C-alpha atoms as a PDB file:
ATOM      1  CA  UNK A   1      10.159  30.430  32.552  1.00  0.00           C
ATOM      2  CA  UNK A   2       7.799  32.111  35.064  1.00  0.00           C
ATOM      3  CA  UNK A   3       6.514  29.822  37.816  1.00  0.00           C
ATOM      4  CA  UNK A   4       2.943  30.289  36.593  1.00  0.00           C
ATOM      5  CA  UNK A   5       3.857  28.707  33.249  1.00  0.00           C
ATOM      6  CA  UNK A   6       4.822  25.034  33.218  1.00  0.00           C
ATOM      7  CA  UNK A   7       7.754  24.338  30.879  1.00  0.00           C
ATOM      8  CA  UNK A   8       6.551  21.015  29.480  1.00  0.00           C
ATOM      9  CA  UNK A   9       9.773  20.247  27.608  1.00  0.00           C
ATOM     10  CA  UNK A  10      11.714  20.329  30.864  1.00  0.00           C
ATOM     11  CA  UNK A  11       9.396  17.875  32.627  1.00  0.00           C
ATOM     12  CA  UNK A  12      10.425  14.270  33.207  1.00  0.00           C
ATOM     13  CA  UNK A  13       6.865  13.212  32.324  1.00  0.00           C
ATOM     14  CA  UNK A  14       5.448  15.789  29.870  1.00  0.00           C
ATOM     15  CA  UNK A  15       1.974  14.234  29.909  1.00  0.00           C
ATOM     16  CA  UNK A  16       1.764  14.382  33.703  1.00  0.00           C
ATOM     17  CA  UNK A  17       3.075  17.947  33.610  1.00  0.00           C
ATOM     18  CA  UNK A  18       0.243  19.045  31.329  1.00  0.00           C
ATOM     19  CA  UNK A  19      -2.391  17.353  33.481  1.00  0.00           C
ATOM     20  CA  UNK A  20      -0.882  18.774  36.663  1.00  0.00           C
ATOM     21  CA  UNK A  21      -1.007  22.265  35.165  1.00  0.00           C
ATOM     22  CA  UNK A  22      -4.629  21.647  34.277  1.00  0.00           C
ATOM     23  CA  UNK A  23      -5.452  20.661  37.836  1.00  0.00           C
ATOM     24  CA  UNK A  24      -3.785  23.866  39.048  1.00  0.00           C
ATOM     25  CA  UNK A  25      -5.407  26.031  36.397  1.00  0.00           C
ATOM     26  CA  UNK A  26      -2.010  27.134  35.118  1.00  0.00           C
ATOM     27  CA  UNK A  27      -0.525  27.796  31.712  1.00  0.00           C
ATOM     28  CA  UNK A  28       1.768  25.517  29.731  1.00  0.00           C
ATOM     29  CA  UNK A  29       4.695  26.327  27.438  1.00  0.00           C
ATOM     30  CA  UNK A  30       5.224  24.164  24.350  1.00  0.00           C
ATOM     31  CA  UNK A  31       8.025  24.331  21.828  1.00  0.00           C
ATOM     32  CA  UNK A  32       7.165  24.390  18.147  1.00  0.00           C
ATOM     33  CA  UNK A  33       8.869  21.929  15.824  1.00  0.00           C
ATOM     34  CA  UNK A  34      10.680  24.629  13.878  1.00  0.00           C
ATOM     35  CA  UNK A  35       9.871  22.963  10.539  1.00  0.00           C
ATOM     36  CA  UNK A  36       9.437  26.208   8.644  1.00  0.00           C
ATOM     37  CA  UNK A  37      11.347  28.553  10.959  1.00  0.00           C
ATOM     38  CA  UNK A  38      13.317  28.558  14.179  1.00  0.00           C
ATOM     39  CA  UNK A  39      11.556  26.863  17.126  1.00  0.00           C
ATOM     40  CA  UNK A  40       9.510  29.111  19.416  1.00  0.00           C
ATOM     41  CA  UNK A  41       7.818  28.629  22.763  1.00  0.00           C
ATOM     42  CA  UNK A  42       4.030  28.753  22.557  1.00  0.00           C
ATOM     43  CA  UNK A  43       2.037  29.540  25.696  1.00  0.00           C
ATOM     44  CA  UNK A  44      -1.523  28.266  26.073  1.00  0.00           C
ATOM     45  CA  UNK A  45      -4.110  27.358  28.683  1.00  0.00           C
ATOM     46  CA  UNK A  46      -4.638  23.663  29.310  1.00  0.00           C
ATOM     47  CA  UNK A  47      -8.360  24.250  28.715  1.00  0.00           C
ATOM     48  CA  UNK A  48      -7.537  25.146  25.101  1.00  0.00           C
ATOM     49  CA  UNK A  49      -6.604  21.485  24.717  1.00  0.00           C
ATOM     50  CA  UNK A  50      -8.912  19.743  27.179  1.00  0.00           C
ATOM     51  CA  UNK A  51     -12.021  21.463  25.839  1.00  0.00           C
ATOM     52  CA  UNK A  52     -11.381  19.872  22.429  1.00  0.00           C
ATOM     53  CA  UNK A  53     -11.060  16.308  23.765  1.00  0.00           C
ATOM     54  CA  UNK A  54     -14.758  15.497  23.405  1.00  0.00           C
ATOM     55  CA  UNK A  55     -14.743  16.639  19.790  1.00  0.00           C
ATOM     56  CA  UNK A  56     -11.672  14.550  18.968  1.00  0.00           C
ATOM     57  CA  UNK A  57     -13.161  11.480  20.642  1.00  0.00           C
ATOM     58  CA  UNK A  58     -16.379  11.863  18.649  1.00  0.00           C
ATOM     59  CA  UNK A  59     -14.659  12.488  15.322  1.00  0.00           C
ATOM     60  CA  UNK A  60     -12.128   9.664  15.721  1.00  0.00           C
ATOM     61  CA  UNK A  61     -14.479   7.212  17.391  1.00  0.00           C
ATOM     62  CA  UNK A  62     -12.438   7.035  20.591  1.00  0.00           C
ATOM     63  CA  UNK A  63     -14.246   5.362  23.472  1.00  0.00           C
ATOM     64  CA  UNK A  64     -13.747   3.562  26.758  1.00  0.00           C
ATOM     65  CA  UNK A  65     -12.358   0.429  25.092  1.00  0.00           C
ATOM     66  CA  UNK A  66      -9.880   2.232  22.841  1.00  0.00           C
ATOM     67  CA  UNK A  67      -6.157   1.506  22.899  1.00  0.00           C
ATOM     68  CA  UNK A  68      -3.993   4.374  21.688  1.00  0.00           C
ATOM     69  CA  UNK A  69      -0.560   4.277  20.058  1.00  0.00           C
ATOM     70  CA  UNK A  70       1.562   7.418  19.754  1.00  0.00           C
ATOM     71  CA  UNK A  71       4.917   6.274  18.306  1.00  0.00           C
ATOM     72  CA  UNK A  72       6.361   9.737  17.731  1.00  0.00           C
ATOM     73  CA  UNK A  73       8.288  11.853  20.263  1.00  0.00           C
ATOM     74  CA  UNK A  74       6.326  13.860  22.813  1.00  0.00           C
ATOM     75  CA  UNK A  75       8.376  16.912  21.876  1.00  0.00           C
ATOM     76  CA  UNK A  76       6.000  17.228  18.900  1.00  0.00           C
ATOM     77  CA  UNK A  77       2.799  18.910  20.024  1.00  0.00           C
ATOM     78  CA  UNK A  78       0.533  16.625  17.968  1.00  0.00           C
ATOM     79  CA  UNK A  79       1.962  13.593  19.763  1.00  0.00           C
ATOM     80  CA  UNK A  80       1.861  15.218  23.178  1.00  0.00           C
ATOM     81  CA  UNK A  81      -1.765  16.218  22.642  1.00  0.00           C
ATOM     82  CA  UNK A  82      -2.716  12.643  21.690  1.00  0.00           C
ATOM     83  CA  UNK A  83      -0.932  11.201  24.728  1.00  0.00           C
ATOM     84  CA  UNK A  84      -2.485  13.746  27.105  1.00  0.00           C
ATOM     85  CA  UNK A  85      -5.911  13.038  25.630  1.00  0.00           C
ATOM     86  CA  UNK A  86      -5.452   9.295  26.159  1.00  0.00           C
ATOM     87  CA  UNK A  87      -4.303   9.632  29.759  1.00  0.00           C
ATOM     88  CA  UNK A  88      -7.030  12.178  30.560  1.00  0.00           C
ATOM     89  CA  UNK A  89      -9.606   9.641  29.334  1.00  0.00           C
ATOM     90  CA  UNK A  90      -7.810   6.803  31.199  1.00  0.00           C
ATOM     91  CA  UNK A  91      -7.097   4.951  27.978  1.00  0.00           C
ATOM     92  CA  UNK A  92      -4.108   2.605  27.696  1.00  0.00           C
ATOM     93  CA  UNK A  93      -1.158   3.703  25.574  1.00  0.00           C
ATOM     94  CA  UNK A  94       0.345   0.795  23.625  1.00  0.00           C
ATOM     95  CA  UNK A  95       3.700   0.697  21.854  1.00  0.00           C
ATOM     96  CA  UNK A  96       2.730  -1.636  18.993  1.00  0.00           C
ATOM     97  CA  UNK A  97       0.591  -0.066  16.242  1.00  0.00           C
ATOM     98  CA  UNK A  98      -0.878  -3.490  15.468  1.00  0.00           C
ATOM     99  CA  UNK A  99      -2.269  -3.666  19.023  1.00  0.00           C
ATOM    100  CA  UNK A 100      -3.898  -0.238  18.855  1.00  0.00           C
ATOM    101  CA  UNK A 101      -7.423   0.764  17.951  1.00  0.00           C
ATOM    102  CA  UNK A 102      -6.211   4.345  17.360  1.00  0.00           C
ATOM    103  CA  UNK A 103      -2.868   5.429  15.990  1.00  0.00           C
ATOM    104  CA  UNK A 104      -1.545   9.003  15.749  1.00  0.00           C
ATOM    105  CA  UNK A 105       1.151   9.551  13.080  1.00  0.00           C
ATOM    106  CA  UNK A 106       2.430  11.929  10.431  1.00  0.00           C
ATOM    107  CA  UNK A 107       1.951  11.082   6.724  1.00  0.00           C
ATOM    108  CA  UNK A 108       5.625  10.104   6.436  1.00  0.00           C
ATOM    109  CA  UNK A 109       5.320   7.650   9.322  1.00  0.00           C
ATOM    110  CA  UNK A 110       2.091   6.215   7.917  1.00  0.00           C
ATOM    111  CA  UNK A 111       3.827   5.594   4.591  1.00  0.00           C
ATOM    112  CA  UNK A 112       6.740   3.895   6.347  1.00  0.00           C
ATOM    113  CA  UNK A 113       4.351   1.641   8.299  1.00  0.00           C
ATOM    114  CA  UNK A 114       2.513   0.633   5.141  1.00  0.00           C
ATOM    115  CA  UNK A 115       5.751  -0.080   3.305  1.00  0.00           C
ATOM    116  CA  UNK A 116       6.898  -2.143   6.272  1.00  0.00           C
ATOM    117  CA  UNK A 117       3.787  -4.309   6.121  1.00  0.00           C
ATOM    118  CA  UNK A 118       2.239  -3.161   9.407  1.00  0.00           C
ATOM    119  CA  UNK A 119      -1.259  -4.570   9.764  1.00  0.00           C
ATOM    120  CA  UNK A 120      -3.592  -1.628  10.359  1.00  0.00           C
ATOM    121  CA  UNK A 121      -6.851  -3.455   9.707  1.00  0.00           C
ATOM    122  CA  UNK A 122      -9.592  -2.103  11.947  1.00  0.00           C
ATOM    123  CA  UNK A 123      -7.360   0.665  13.294  1.00  0.00           C
ATOM    124  CA  UNK A 124      -8.325   4.333  13.110  1.00  0.00           C
ATOM    125  CA  UNK A 125      -5.236   6.251  12.023  1.00  0.00           C
ATOM    126  CA  UNK A 126      -5.299   9.949  12.887  1.00  0.00           C
ATOM    127  CA  UNK A 127      -2.843  11.686  10.577  1.00  0.00           C
ATOM    128  CA  UNK A 128      -1.493  15.195  11.145  1.00  0.00           C
ATOM    129  CA  UNK A 129       1.697  17.232  11.065  1.00  0.00           C
ATOM    130  CA  UNK A 130       1.685  17.563   7.278  1.00  0.00           C
ATOM    131  CA  UNK A 131      -0.739  17.324   4.392  1.00  0.00           C
ATOM    132  CA  UNK A 132      -2.190  13.853   3.844  1.00  0.00           C
ATOM    133  CA  UNK A 133      -2.394  13.060   0.149  1.00  0.00           C
ATOM    134  CA  UNK A 134      -5.594  11.321  -0.999  1.00  0.00           C
ATOM    135  CA  UNK A 135      -3.557   8.539  -2.618  1.00  0.00           C
ATOM    136  CA  UNK A 136      -1.828   7.689   0.660  1.00  0.00           C
ATOM    137  CA  UNK A 137      -5.128   7.812   2.547  1.00  0.00           C
ATOM    138  CA  UNK A 138      -6.677   5.497  -0.061  1.00  0.00           C
ATOM    139  CA  UNK A 139      -3.741   3.106   0.220  1.00  0.00           C
ATOM    140  CA  UNK A 140      -4.226   2.869   3.984  1.00  0.00           C
ATOM    141  CA  UNK A 141      -7.967   2.373   3.641  1.00  0.00           C
ATOM    142  CA  UNK A 142      -7.381  -0.369   1.065  1.00  0.00           C
ATOM    143  CA  UNK A 143      -5.383  -2.153   3.766  1.00  0.00           C
ATOM    144  CA  UNK A 144      -8.322  -2.010   6.163  1.00  0.00           C
ATOM    145  CA  UNK A 145      -7.521   1.123   8.168  1.00  0.00           C
ATOM    146  CA  UNK A 146      -9.906   3.933   8.937  1.00  0.00           C
ATOM    147  CA  UNK A 147      -8.313   7.314   8.260  1.00  0.00           C
ATOM    148  CA  UNK A 148      -8.857  10.711   9.849  1.00  0.00           C
ATOM    149  CA  UNK A 149      -6.812  13.796   9.062  1.00  0.00           C
ATOM    150  CA  UNK A 150      -6.627  17.218  10.629  1.00  0.00           C
ATOM    151  CA  UNK A 151      -4.951  20.530   9.952  1.00  0.00           C
ATOM    152  CA  UNK A 152      -3.769  22.825  12.700  1.00  0.00           C
ATOM    153  CA  UNK A 153      -0.706  24.456  14.202  1.00  0.00           C
ATOM    154  CA  UNK A 154       0.974  24.626  17.586  1.00  0.00           C
ATOM    155  CA  UNK A 155      -0.288  28.196  17.897  1.00  0.00           C
ATOM    156  CA  UNK A 156      -3.833  27.531  16.627  1.00  0.00           C
ATOM    157  CA  UNK A 157      -4.509  23.947  17.736  1.00  0.00           C
ATOM    158  CA  UNK A 158      -7.282  22.377  15.629  1.00  0.00           C
ATOM    159  CA  UNK A 159      -8.510  24.231  12.560  1.00  0.00           C
ATOM    160  CA  UNK A 160     -10.029  21.611  10.245  1.00  0.00           C
ATOM    161  CA  UNK A 161     -10.756  17.870  10.184  1.00  0.00           C
ATOM    162  CA  UNK A 162     -11.530  15.377   7.427  1.00  0.00           C
ATOM    163  CA  UNK A 163     -10.401  12.301   5.540  1.00  0.00           C
ATOM    164  CA  UNK A 164      -7.422  13.751   3.667  1.00  0.00           C
ATOM    165  CA  UNK A 165      -6.055  17.100   2.473  1.00  0.00           C
ATOM    166  CA  UNK A 166      -8.915  17.473  -0.014  1.00  0.00           C
ATOM    167  CA  UNK A 167     -11.604  16.783   2.588  1.00  0.00           C
ATOM    168  CA  UNK A 168     -10.953  19.267   5.394  1.00  0.00           C
ATOM    169  CA  UNK A 169     -13.841  21.071   7.031  1.00  0.00           C
ATOM    170  CA  UNK A 170     -13.716  23.433  10.008  1.00  0.00           C
ATOM    171  CA  UNK A 171     -13.248  21.668  13.330  1.00  0.00           C
ATOM    172  CA  UNK A 172     -16.208  21.945  15.741  1.00  0.00           C
ATOM    173  CA  UNK A 173     -16.422  25.379  17.412  1.00  0.00           C
ATOM    174  CA  UNK A 174     -13.916  26.772  14.872  1.00  0.00           C
ATOM    175  CA  UNK A 175     -14.732  29.451  12.326  1.00  0.00           C
ATOM    176  CA  UNK A 176     -12.406  29.646   9.322  1.00  0.00           C
ATOM    177  CA  UNK A 177     -11.936  32.651   7.062  1.00  0.00           C
ATOM    178  CA  UNK A 178      -9.632  33.348   4.115  1.00  0.00           C
ATOM    179  CA  UNK A 179      -8.144  36.827   4.057  1.00  0.00           C
ATOM    180  CA  UNK A 180      -5.733  37.862   1.321  1.00  0.00           C
ATOM    181  CA  UNK A 181      -5.160  34.189   0.586  1.00  0.00           C
ATOM    182  CA  UNK A 182      -4.248  33.351   4.207  1.00  0.00           C
ATOM    183  CA  UNK A 183      -6.065  30.952   6.533  1.00  0.00           C
ATOM    184  CA  UNK A 184      -7.525  32.621   9.631  1.00  0.00           C
ATOM    185  CA  UNK A 185      -9.330  30.812  12.457  1.00  0.00           C
ATOM    186  CA  UNK A 186     -11.337  31.883  15.467  1.00  0.00           C
ATOM    187  CA  UNK A 187     -11.914  29.334  18.204  1.00  0.00           C
ATOM    188  CA  UNK A 188     -11.622  28.586  21.934  1.00  0.00           C
ATOM    189  CA  UNK A 189      -8.534  26.504  21.174  1.00  0.00           C
ATOM    190  CA  UNK A 190      -6.107  29.303  20.262  1.00  0.00           C
ATOM    191  CA  UNK A 191      -2.873  29.800  22.165  1.00  0.00           C
ATOM    192  CA  UNK A 192      -1.860  32.933  24.069  1.00  0.00           C
ATOM    193  CA  UNK A 193       1.087  33.556  21.728  1.00  0.00           C
ATOM    194  CA  UNK A 194       4.823  33.271  22.247  1.00  0.00           C
ATOM    195  CA  UNK A 195       6.694  33.304  25.552  1.00  0.00           C
ATOM    196  CA  UNK A 196       8.534  36.487  26.305  1.00  0.00           C
ATOM    197  CA  UNK A 197       6.719  38.389  23.593  1.00  0.00           C
ATOM    198  CA  UNK A 198       8.867  36.768  20.923  1.00  0.00           C
ATOM    199  CA  UNK A 199       8.034  37.559  17.322  1.00  0.00           C
ATOM    200  CA  UNK A 200       6.645  34.911  15.047  1.00  0.00           C
ATOM    201  CA  UNK A 201       4.010  34.117  12.426  1.00  0.00           C
ATOM    202  CA  UNK A 202       1.137  33.942  14.948  1.00  0.00           C
ATOM    203  CA  UNK A 203      -1.062  37.003  14.510  1.00  0.00           C
ATOM    204  CA  UNK A 204      -4.394  37.798  16.154  1.00  0.00           C
ATOM    205  CA  UNK A 205      -6.785  40.326  14.622  1.00  0.00           C
ATOM    206  CA  UNK A 206      -9.091  42.635  16.552  1.00  0.00           C
ATOM    207  CA  UNK A 207     -12.071  40.366  15.811  1.00  0.00           C
ATOM    208  CA  UNK A 208     -10.387  37.344  17.419  1.00  0.00           C
ATOM    209  CA  UNK A 209      -9.345  35.576  14.243  1.00  0.00           C
ATOM    210  CA  UNK A 210      -5.750  34.300  14.223  1.00  0.00           C
ATOM    211  CA  UNK A 211      -3.300  33.055  11.602  1.00  0.00           C
ATOM    212  CA  UNK A 212       0.184  31.601  11.315  1.00  0.00           C
ATOM    213  CA  UNK A 213       0.432  32.723   7.696  1.00  0.00           C
ATOM    214  CA  UNK A 214      -0.563  29.485   5.990  1.00  0.00           C
ATOM    215  CA  UNK A 215      -2.078  30.047   2.588  1.00  0.00           C
ATOM    216  CA  UNK A 216      -5.275  28.367   1.466  1.00  0.00           C
ATOM    217  CA  UNK A 217      -8.744  28.629   0.074  1.00  0.00           C
ATOM    218  CA  UNK A 218     -12.259  27.827   1.298  1.00  0.00           C
ATOM    219  CA  UNK A 219     -14.705  26.480  -1.264  1.00  0.00           C
ATOM    220  CA  UNK A 220     -18.215  25.396  -0.217  1.00  0.00           C
ATOM    221  CA  UNK A 221     -17.017  24.674   3.300  1.00  0.00           C
ATOM    222  CA  UNK A 222     -13.951  22.662   2.266  1.00  0.00           C
ATOM    223  CA  UNK A 223     -10.600  24.094   3.322  1.00  0.00           C
ATOM    224  CA  UNK A 224      -7.578  23.527   1.093  1.00  0.00           C
ATOM    225  CA  UNK A 225      -4.263  24.459   2.688  1.00  0.00           C
ATOM    226  CA  UNK A 226      -1.590  25.195   0.127  1.00  0.00           C
ATOM    227  CA  UNK A 227       1.306  25.908   2.492  1.00  0.00           C
ATOM    228  CA  UNK A 228       3.123  28.516   4.503  1.00  0.00           C
ATOM    229  CA  UNK A 229       4.649  30.206   1.459  1.00  0.00           C
ATOM    230  CA  UNK A 230       7.661  31.339   3.466  1.00  0.00           C
ATOM    231  CA  UNK A 231      10.228  29.377   1.440  1.00  0.00           C
ATOM    232  CA  UNK A 232      11.089  30.670  -1.991  1.00  0.00           C
ATOM    233  CA  UNK A 233      13.621  30.257  -4.774  1.00  0.00           C
ATOM    234  CA  UNK A 234      14.752  33.420  -6.550  1.00  0.00           C
ATOM    235  CA  UNK A 235      15.628  32.392 -10.083  1.00  0.00           C
ATOM    236  CA  UNK A 236      16.506  34.816 -12.857  1.00  0.00           C
ATOM    237  CA  UNK A 237      14.906  37.628 -10.874  1.00  0.00           C
ATOM    238  CA  UNK A 238      11.613  35.752 -10.359  1.00  0.00           C
ATOM    239  CA  UNK A 239      10.517  34.660  -6.886  1.00  0.00           C
ATOM    240  CA  UNK A 240       9.045  31.150  -6.870  1.00  0.00           C
ATOM    241  CA  UNK A 241       7.208  29.894  -3.774  1.00  0.00           C
ATOM    242  CA  UNK A 242       8.132  26.247  -3.343  1.00  0.00           C
ATOM    243  CA  UNK A 243       4.687  25.432  -1.915  1.00  0.00           C
ATOM    244  CA  UNK A 244       3.069  26.389  -5.214  1.00  0.00           C
ATOM    245  CA  UNK A 245       5.300  24.052  -7.196  1.00  0.00           C
ATOM    246  CA  UNK A 246       5.023  21.211  -4.701  1.00  0.00           C
ATOM    247  CA  UNK A 247       1.233  21.379  -4.614  1.00  0.00           C
ATOM    248  CA  UNK A 248       0.967  21.330  -8.399  1.00  0.00           C
ATOM    249  CA  UNK A 249       3.297  18.347  -8.759  1.00  0.00           C
ATOM    250  CA  UNK A 250       1.884  16.436  -5.814  1.00  0.00           C
ATOM    251  CA  UNK A 251      -1.630  16.673  -7.198  1.00  0.00           C
ATOM    252  CA  UNK A 252      -0.707  15.177 -10.564  1.00  0.00           C
ATOM    253  CA  UNK A 253       1.549  12.449  -9.137  1.00  0.00           C
ATOM    254  CA  UNK A 254      -0.182  11.593  -5.856  1.00  0.00           C
ATOM    255  CA  UNK A 255       3.249  11.271  -4.242  1.00  0.00           C
ATOM    256  CA  UNK A 256       5.560  13.325  -2.066  1.00  0.00           C
ATOM    257  CA  UNK A 257       7.555  16.096  -3.723  1.00  0.00           C
ATOM    258  CA  UNK A 258      10.155  18.387  -2.172  1.00  0.00           C
ATOM    259  CA  UNK A 259      11.193  21.480  -4.115  1.00  0.00           C
ATOM    260  CA  UNK A 260      14.488  23.238  -3.388  1.00  0.00           C
ATOM    261  CA  UNK A 261      16.722  25.826  -4.967  1.00  0.00           C
ATOM    262  CA  UNK A 262      20.067  24.858  -6.480  1.00  0.00           C
ATOM    263  CA  UNK A 263      22.733  27.591  -6.844  1.00  0.00           C
ATOM    264  CA  UNK A 264      23.346  28.654 -10.430  1.00  0.00           C
ATOM    265  CA  UNK A 265      26.142  31.009 -11.614  1.00  0.00           C
ATOM    266  CA  UNK A 266      23.940  32.965 -14.006  1.00  0.00           C
ATOM    267  CA  UNK A 267      20.454  32.913 -12.497  1.00  0.00           C
ATOM    268  CA  UNK A 268      21.348  32.800  -8.803  1.00  0.00           C
ATOM    269  CA  UNK A 269      19.408  29.574  -8.367  1.00  0.00           C
ATOM    270  CA  UNK A 270      17.237  27.174 -10.341  1.00  0.00           C
ATOM    271  CA  UNK A 271      14.209  25.230  -9.161  1.00  0.00           C
ATOM    272  CA  UNK A 272      14.801  21.536  -8.479  1.00  0.00           C
ATOM    273  CA  UNK A 273      12.266  18.839  -7.626  1.00  0.00           C
ATOM    274  CA  UNK A 274      12.979  15.716  -5.567  1.00  0.00           C
ATOM    275  CA  UNK A 275      10.568  12.770  -5.732  1.00  0.00           C
ATOM    276  CA  UNK A 276      10.526   9.348  -4.102  1.00  0.00           C
ATOM    277  CA  UNK A 277       8.420   7.249  -6.478  1.00  0.00           C
ATOM    278  CA  UNK A 278      10.066   6.259  -9.788  1.00  0.00           C
ATOM    279  CA  UNK A 279       6.746   6.268 -11.656  1.00  0.00           C
ATOM    280  CA  UNK A 280       5.995   9.794 -10.458  1.00  0.00           C
ATOM    281  CA  UNK A 281       9.014  11.348 -12.160  1.00  0.00           C
ATOM    282  CA  UNK A 282       7.880  11.239 -15.801  1.00  0.00           C
ATOM    283  CA  UNK A 283       4.354  12.274 -14.774  1.00  0.00           C
ATOM    284  CA  UNK A 284       5.687  15.284 -12.884  1.00  0.00           C
ATOM    285  CA  UNK A 285       8.091  16.199 -15.664  1.00  0.00           C
ATOM    286  CA  UNK A 286       5.361  16.179 -18.305  1.00  0.00           C
ATOM    287  CA  UNK A 287       2.931  18.082 -16.096  1.00  0.00           C
ATOM    288  CA  UNK A 288       5.492  20.763 -15.326  1.00  0.00           C
ATOM    289  CA  UNK A 289       5.491  21.798 -18.984  1.00  0.00           C
ATOM    290  CA  UNK A 290       1.775  22.528 -19.051  1.00  0.00           C
ATOM    291  CA  UNK A 291       0.870  23.263 -15.454  1.00  0.00           C
ATOM    292  CA  UNK A 292       3.666  25.554 -14.278  1.00  0.00           C
ATOM    293  CA  UNK A 293       4.986  28.893 -15.402  1.00  0.00           C
ATOM    294  CA  UNK A 294       8.447  29.102 -16.947  1.00  0.00           C
ATOM    295  CA  UNK A 295       9.934  30.381 -13.690  1.00  0.00           C
ATOM    296  CA  UNK A 296       8.235  27.685 -11.587  1.00  0.00           C
ATOM    297  CA  UNK A 297       9.244  24.808 -13.831  1.00  0.00           C
ATOM    298  CA  UNK A 298      11.940  22.581 -12.244  1.00  0.00           C
ATOM    299  CA  UNK A 299      15.163  22.581 -14.278  1.00  0.00           C
ATOM    300  CA  UNK A 300      16.689  19.731 -12.311  1.00  0.00           C
ATOM    301  CA  UNK A 301      15.032  16.497 -11.179  1.00  0.00           C
ATOM    302  CA  UNK A 302      16.177  14.088  -8.501  1.00  0.00           C
ATOM    303  CA  UNK A 303      14.955  10.829  -7.047  1.00  0.00           C
ATOM    304  CA  UNK A 304      15.385   9.984  -3.379  1.00  0.00           C
ATOM    305  CA  UNK A 305      13.854   6.580  -2.543  1.00  0.00           C
ATOM    306  CA  UNK A 306      13.390   7.417   1.132  1.00  0.00           C
ATOM    307  CA  UNK A 307      13.081  10.996   2.370  1.00  0.00           C
ATOM    308  CA  UNK A 308      14.919  11.779   5.623  1.00  0.00           C
ATOM    309  CA  UNK A 309      12.602  12.642   8.482  1.00  0.00           C
ATOM    310  CA  UNK A 310      12.858  14.934  11.482  1.00  0.00           C
ATOM    311  CA  UNK A 311      12.502  13.625  15.018  1.00  0.00           C
ATOM    312  CA  UNK A 312       8.857  14.714  14.825  1.00  0.00           C
ATOM    313  CA  UNK A 313       8.223  12.395  11.876  1.00  0.00           C
ATOM    314  CA  UNK A 314       8.011  15.053   9.167  1.00  0.00           C
ATOM    315  CA  UNK A 315       9.997  15.196   5.929  1.00  0.00           C
ATOM    316  CA  UNK A 316      13.272  16.939   6.726  1.00  0.00           C
ATOM    317  CA  UNK A 317      13.345  19.565   4.006  1.00  0.00           C
ATOM    318  CA  UNK A 318      16.690  20.956   5.129  1.00  0.00           C
ATOM    319  CA  UNK A 319      18.300  17.518   4.888  1.00  0.00           C
ATOM    320  CA  UNK A 320      16.874  17.000   1.390  1.00  0.00           C
ATOM    321  CA  UNK A 321      18.205  20.380   0.294  1.00  0.00           C
ATOM    322  CA  UNK A 322      21.622  19.511   1.703  1.00  0.00           C
ATOM    323  CA  UNK A 323      21.704  16.214  -0.216  1.00  0.00           C
ATOM    324  CA  UNK A 324      20.987  18.088  -3.433  1.00  0.00           C
ATOM    325  CA  UNK A 325      23.426  20.932  -2.744  1.00  0.00           C
ATOM    326  CA  UNK A 326      26.244  18.553  -1.784  1.00  0.00           C
ATOM    327  CA  UNK A 327      26.033  16.637  -5.042  1.00  0.00           C
ATOM    328  CA  UNK A 328      25.272  13.362  -3.295  1.00  0.00           C
ATOM    329  CA  UNK A 329      22.156  13.001  -5.458  1.00  0.00           C
ATOM    330  CA  UNK A 330      22.635  12.671  -9.195  1.00  0.00           C
ATOM    331  CA  UNK A 331      20.090  14.466 -11.403  1.00  0.00           C
ATOM    332  CA  UNK A 332      17.610  12.289 -13.274  1.00  0.00           C
ATOM    333  CA  UNK A 333      17.245  12.872 -16.994  1.00  0.00           C
ATOM    334  CA  UNK A 334      14.009  14.513 -18.066  1.00  0.00           C
ATOM    335  CA  UNK A 335      11.634  12.868 -20.499  1.00  0.00           C
ATOM    336  CA  UNK A 336      12.054  14.262 -24.044  1.00  0.00           C
ATOM    337  CA  UNK A 337       8.774  16.189 -23.959  1.00  0.00           C
ATOM    338  CA  UNK A 338       9.681  17.716 -20.593  1.00  0.00           C
ATOM    339  CA  UNK A 339      13.335  18.318 -21.299  1.00  0.00           C
ATOM    340  CA  UNK A 340      14.630  21.768 -20.409  1.00  0.00           C
ATOM    341  CA  UNK A 341      17.975  23.201 -19.567  1.00  0.00           C
ATOM    342  CA  UNK A 342      18.830  25.504 -16.679  1.00  0.00           C
ATOM    343  CA  UNK A 343      19.835  27.942 -19.415  1.00  0.00           C
ATOM    344  CA  UNK A 344      16.148  28.146 -20.416  1.00  0.00           C
ATOM    345  CA  UNK A 345      15.258  29.824 -17.147  1.00  0.00           C
ATOM    346  CA  UNK A 346      13.516  33.127 -17.941  1.00  0.00           C
ATOM    347  CA  UNK A 347      15.113  36.369 -16.925  1.00  0.00           C
END
């Protein structure tokens, strides 16, 4: 790593390393989580973070008396950003979510806290790192929490902010555009790209708009992000994007769904859906008959009461796929009206 770029992951105190680089006017190098691809090193100015602090404070209601909790690892950029923001504003970081006025978590961690009975009354929970379903946001609000949600990427920083995945509007000073079904953003918060000129999904157009390839749509100022679209199942010659199937099933069930491919001797693979909530299974199975194409329709269904998570607090899709492929999860029978066989997969 060149001396002019601070390798934050190598620092004993990553938060101090970011602030030190800011004082020196240097660049910082941050590693992506590698959720949808191999990890990369993203280079950015510290100003591309610091200049957004005032907006985040205003949107989340963070003030001089706030107490911030960031329970996730600082190797995740969303957590590091929150911790740097707190220290920059001289706000105390607390370890106990119940002692915090502001909590930064992923949707999976929020669900685990709610299931564990954590008292979040009066706390503003800022949720990022994955799409926040309206049902989960409503559950947290019913328990007395205030909920904020944002969409972004390590390469883009903030893109949109709202109350859940259906209520995202462009972040202040950010312009969002949809081009060929992909989300593009132009803002002062963009990164410089990847260290060493490495290839990756981050692309910058001549007009300053950038994308990481996430798909979405913009309707009357509301941004809906439908996924990266990089993962697919090829079944019977048809290519099925797992994001499309997951979004359709998540919207009818209001619960988490992970879609994977299961090897099949005739069709190469078949689409399989893994859900956590027992009540969501029959709903998803019935909806798949009317809301999905024949190729998209899951032929195998599984229930996993608790999804494994990565160190960054996101659902570990690779681990779920491995559980299915290894046979450690037994398929769940489909409801009669949703019953299909892998042999029904279209060619």
